[in-house]
Amino acid sequence: MIVADASWIIALRDPHDEHHGAAVTSNQKLGNEDVMLPSLTFAECLVSPAQMGVLDQAAEDLRAAFEITEGDKDAPLRWAALRASLGFGSPT
């Protein structure tokens, strides 16, 4: 099991990110290894989507691609929306 960092997930999902190529390469090398996102990391990955108004779709996409550790399923969405509403950008 791999525990993912937000910067890797963000780079993996954004083709314009300067680290996108390296993130894709490392993702390909994982093979069938499970990747887990802790709730806080999941929230960090959702800040930019919240700012762009696509929070729910981004959350659905991430949940389909990764194992998310969530006690309160909606907490990361609230955290991301709050951070986005306060004007804090993505942590990249």
Protein backbone atom coordinates (compact mmCIF):
# COMPACT_ATOMS: atom_id res chain seq x y z
CA MET A 1 0.00 0.00 0.00
CA ILE A 2 1.31 3.43 -1.01
CA VAL A 3 0.23 6.50 1.00
CA ALA A 4 0.03 9.37 -1.48
CA ASP A 5 1.11 12.96 -1.05
CA ALA A 6 -1.14 15.72 -2.38
CA SER A 7 1.58 17.18 -4.61
CA TRP A 8 1.89 13.86 -6.48
CA ILE A 9 -1.88 13.50 -6.96
CA ILE A 10 -2.23 17.12 -8.07
CA ALA A 11 0.62 16.75 -10.59
CA LEU A 12 -0.80 13.44 -11.80
CA ARG A 13 -4.20 14.98 -12.54
CA ASP A 14 -3.00 18.29 -14.04
CA PRO A 15 -1.27 17.99 -17.43
CA HIS A 16 -0.09 21.61 -17.08
CA ASP A 17 1.71 20.94 -13.79
CA GLU A 18 5.50 21.08 -14.21
CA HIS A 19 5.79 17.70 -12.46
CA HIS A 20 3.05 15.97 -14.44
CA GLY A 21 5.42 13.82 -16.52
CA ALA A 22 7.30 12.55 -13.49
CA ALA A 23 4.02 11.86 -11.67
CA VAL A 24 2.66 9.86 -14.61
CA THR A 25 5.91 7.88 -14.87
CA SER A 26 5.89 7.02 -11.17
CA ASN A 27 2.21 6.08 -11.37
CA GLN A 28 2.93 3.68 -14.23
CA LYS A 29 5.68 2.03 -12.18
CA LEU A 30 3.24 1.28 -9.34
CA GLY A 31 1.51 -1.44 -11.31
CA ASN A 32 -1.34 -2.88 -9.26
CA GLU A 33 -0.15 -1.39 -5.95
CA ASP A 34 -3.01 0.15 -3.95
CA VAL A 35 -2.73 3.88 -3.32
CA MET A 36 -4.34 5.42 -0.24
CA LEU A 37 -5.20 9.07 0.32
CA PRO A 38 -5.69 10.15 3.94
CA SER A 39 -8.66 12.50 4.42
CA LEU A 40 -6.50 15.60 4.75
CA THR A 41 -4.55 14.76 1.58
CA PHE A 42 -7.85 14.17 -0.22
CA ALA A 43 -9.01 17.63 0.90
CA GLU A 44 -5.77 19.25 -0.32
CA CYS A 45 -6.30 17.65 -3.73
CA LEU A 46 -9.78 19.17 -3.88
CA VAL A 47 -8.91 22.84 -3.24
CA SER A 48 -8.36 23.79 -6.89
CA PRO A 49 -11.43 21.86 -8.07
CA ALA A 50 -13.45 23.70 -5.39
CA GLN A 51 -12.15 27.03 -6.72
CA MET A 52 -13.12 26.00 -10.25
CA GLY A 53 -16.63 24.89 -9.21
CA VAL A 54 -16.07 21.19 -9.96
CA LEU A 55 -15.63 19.91 -6.40
CA ASP A 56 -18.18 17.08 -6.51
CA GLN A 57 -16.92 15.68 -9.82
CA ALA A 58 -13.28 15.85 -8.70
CA ALA A 59 -14.14 14.08 -5.44
CA GLU A 60 -15.98 11.36 -7.34
CA ASP A 61 -13.03 10.91 -9.72
CA LEU A 62 -10.52 10.66 -6.88
CA ARG A 63 -12.69 8.21 -4.95
CA ALA A 64 -12.87 6.03 -8.07
CA ALA A 65 -9.09 6.08 -8.55
CA PHE A 66 -7.77 5.83 -4.98
CA GLU A 67 -8.61 4.36 -1.61
CA ILE A 68 -9.68 7.27 0.60
CA THR A 69 -9.51 6.94 4.38
CA GLU A 70 -12.56 8.82 5.56
CA GLY A 71 -14.33 8.80 8.88
CA ASP A 72 -16.69 11.58 7.83
CA LYS A 73 -17.16 11.17 4.07
CA ASP A 74 -18.07 14.83 3.50
CA ALA A 75 -15.44 16.43 5.77
CA PRO A 76 -12.73 16.68 3.06
CA LEU A 77 -15.18 18.41 0.72
CA ARG A 78 -16.07 20.94 3.43
CA TRP A 79 -12.38 21.52 4.20
CA ALA A 80 -11.53 22.05 0.53
CA ALA A 81 -14.48 24.38 -0.03
CA LEU A 82 -13.57 26.38 3.08
CA ARG A 83 -9.95 26.72 2.03
CA ALA A 84 -11.00 27.71 -1.49
CA SER A 85 -13.49 30.29 -0.17
CA LEU A 86 -10.80 31.91 1.97
CA GLY A 87 -8.66 32.54 -1.09
CA PHE A 88 -5.92 30.05 -0.32
CA GLY A 89 -4.62 28.44 -3.49
CA SER A 90 -3.61 24.92 -4.18
CA PRO A 91 -0.66 23.72 -2.07
CA THR A 92 1.57 23.18 -5.10
